[in-house]
Amino acid sequence: MNNNNFGIYTGRITREPVYFQNQNHSFSVVLDVACQQNFASGKEHEYKSDFIEFRGFIPASMKNKGIYGYLGTGDKVSIQYSLRSGSREKGGKIEYFQHPFIESIQIMEGRTVREQRRSAKSEA
């Protein structure tokens, strides 16, 4: 990993992971993660959040989507990422894009806490 193109982001997943199967039977995953800003703003001095869409890769050889298979809405994660760029043709024009790519991900809460949150959510 290039230390000049690297960051760490800790926050909560805002929706269920989205999976896309690639031609070689591997998967791409998209995670939306929210992180509270470290400063208060506005008249009420409230803390706002940033919402970032991360992309990851799951090799075809990995069973049950690896760690991503354990993730769900509300889970607190720490993501080590690098920025990746690419291009695609759309409407006859080339579009360039950049996205944060997951290099490593850790779940920051225990299984019991995650299961309690999910059961409380399903009861509501």
Protein backbone atom coordinates (compact mmCIF):
# COMPACT_ATOMS: atom_id res chain seq x y z
CA MET A 1 0.00 0.00 0.00
CA ASN A 2 1.22 3.49 -0.86
CA ASN A 3 1.54 5.54 2.34
CA ASN A 4 1.11 8.74 0.32
CA ASN A 5 -2.37 7.64 -0.81
CA PHE A 6 -3.90 6.22 2.34
CA GLY A 7 -6.49 7.07 4.96
CA ILE A 8 -8.48 5.65 7.85
CA TYR A 9 -12.20 6.28 8.25
CA THR A 10 -14.26 5.15 11.25
CA GLY A 11 -18.03 5.34 11.22
CA ARG A 12 -21.30 3.46 10.95
CA ILE A 13 -22.70 1.68 7.91
CA THR A 14 -25.83 3.52 6.74
CA ARG A 15 -27.38 0.78 4.57
CA GLU A 16 -26.90 -2.89 3.82
CA PRO A 17 -23.80 -3.64 1.68
CA VAL A 18 -24.49 -3.85 -2.06
CA TYR A 19 -22.77 -6.62 -4.05
CA PHE A 20 -22.00 -6.81 -7.75
CA GLN A 21 -20.75 -10.04 -9.31
CA ASN A 22 -17.83 -9.64 -11.71
CA GLN A 23 -17.27 -11.71 -14.86
CA ASN A 24 -14.64 -13.85 -13.11
CA HIS A 25 -17.13 -14.75 -10.28
CA SER A 26 -15.49 -12.40 -7.80
CA PHE A 27 -17.57 -9.64 -6.24
CA SER A 28 -17.38 -5.89 -5.81
CA VAL A 29 -19.00 -4.42 -2.71
CA VAL A 30 -20.22 -0.90 -1.99
CA LEU A 31 -20.49 0.36 1.60
CA ASP A 32 -22.00 3.68 2.62
CA VAL A 33 -20.46 4.88 5.88
CA ALA A 34 -21.32 7.93 8.01
CA CYS A 35 -18.83 9.62 10.31
CA GLN A 36 -19.55 12.48 12.67
CA GLN A 37 -17.53 15.63 11.99
CA ASN A 38 -15.25 16.73 14.81
CA PHE A 39 -16.67 20.25 15.05
CA ALA A 40 -20.07 21.76 15.80
CA SER A 41 -21.61 24.30 13.46
CA GLY A 42 -24.77 26.34 12.98
CA LYS A 43 -26.90 28.20 15.48
CA GLU A 44 -27.61 25.05 17.51
CA HIS A 45 -23.92 24.06 17.48
CA GLU A 46 -24.79 20.60 16.25
CA TYR A 47 -22.41 17.98 14.95
CA LYS A 48 -23.05 16.99 11.34
CA SER A 49 -21.94 13.85 9.56
CA ASP A 50 -20.05 13.08 6.38
CA PHE A 51 -21.31 10.22 4.21
CA ILE A 52 -18.75 8.37 2.10
CA GLU A 53 -19.28 5.55 -0.40
CA PHE A 54 -16.48 2.99 -0.26
CA ARG A 55 -15.81 0.20 -2.75
CA GLY A 56 -14.17 -3.12 -2.02
CA PHE A 57 -13.23 -6.37 -3.72
CA ILE A 58 -14.07 -9.94 -2.73
CA PRO A 59 -12.03 -12.66 -4.49
CA ALA A 60 -13.96 -15.53 -6.09
CA SER A 61 -12.17 -17.98 -3.77
CA MET A 62 -13.51 -16.28 -0.60
CA LYS A 63 -16.47 -18.07 0.98
CA ASN A 64 -19.61 -16.23 2.16
CA LYS A 65 -18.28 -12.83 1.06
CA GLY A 66 -15.66 -12.81 3.83
CA ILE A 67 -15.98 -10.10 6.49
CA TYR A 68 -18.53 -8.24 4.34
CA GLY A 69 -21.01 -11.07 4.95
CA TYR A 70 -21.08 -10.11 8.64
CA LEU A 71 -21.78 -6.41 8.09
CA GLY A 72 -25.12 -4.64 8.23
CA THR A 73 -26.76 -1.29 8.76
CA GLY A 74 -25.60 0.45 11.94
CA ASP A 75 -22.39 -1.55 12.38
CA LYS A 76 -19.37 0.50 13.45
CA VAL A 77 -16.35 -0.13 11.22
CA SER A 78 -12.86 1.20 10.71
CA ILE A 79 -11.78 1.26 7.08
CA GLN A 80 -8.26 1.66 5.77
CA TYR A 81 -8.57 2.93 2.22
CA SER A 82 -6.67 4.29 -0.75
CA LEU A 83 -8.02 6.46 -3.56
CA ARG A 84 -8.45 4.79 -6.94
CA SER A 85 -9.23 6.48 -10.23
CA GLY A 86 -10.59 5.19 -13.50
CA SER A 87 -12.60 6.09 -16.55
CA ARG A 88 -15.63 4.87 -18.47
CA GLU A 89 -17.38 5.86 -21.65
CA LYS A 90 -20.88 7.24 -21.21
CA GLY A 91 -22.93 8.83 -23.96
CA GLY A 92 -19.94 8.98 -26.28
CA LYS A 93 -17.86 10.92 -23.73
CA ILE A 94 -15.18 9.65 -21.40
CA GLU A 95 -15.97 10.18 -17.73
CA TYR A 96 -13.22 10.11 -15.13
CA PHE A 97 -13.96 9.11 -11.57
CA GLN A 98 -12.25 8.58 -8.25
CA HIS A 99 -13.42 6.53 -5.27
CA PRO A 100 -12.06 5.34 -1.93
CA PHE A 101 -11.10 1.66 -2.23
CA ILE A 102 -11.17 -0.56 0.87
CA GLU A 103 -7.75 -2.01 1.61
CA SER A 104 -8.69 -3.35 5.05
CA ILE A 105 -11.79 -3.28 7.23
CA GLN A 106 -12.36 -4.01 10.91
CA ILE A 107 -15.62 -4.37 12.83
CA MET A 108 -15.37 -2.11 15.90
CA GLU A 109 -18.11 -3.74 18.00
CA GLY A 110 -18.62 -7.21 19.37
CA ARG A 111 -21.09 -9.68 17.91
CA THR A 112 -23.38 -9.40 20.96
CA VAL A 113 -23.77 -5.64 20.52
CA ARG A 114 -24.49 -6.01 16.80
CA GLU A 115 -27.04 -8.79 17.39
CA GLN A 116 -28.81 -6.75 20.11
CA ARG A 117 -29.07 -3.76 17.74
CA ARG A 118 -30.47 -5.96 14.95
CA SER A 119 -33.05 -7.62 17.21
CA ALA A 120 -34.17 -4.25 18.64
CA LYS A 121 -34.49 -2.94 15.11
CA SER A 122 -36.58 -5.89 13.96
CA GLU A 123 -38.90 -5.54 16.98
CA ALA A 124 -39.59 -1.88 16.21
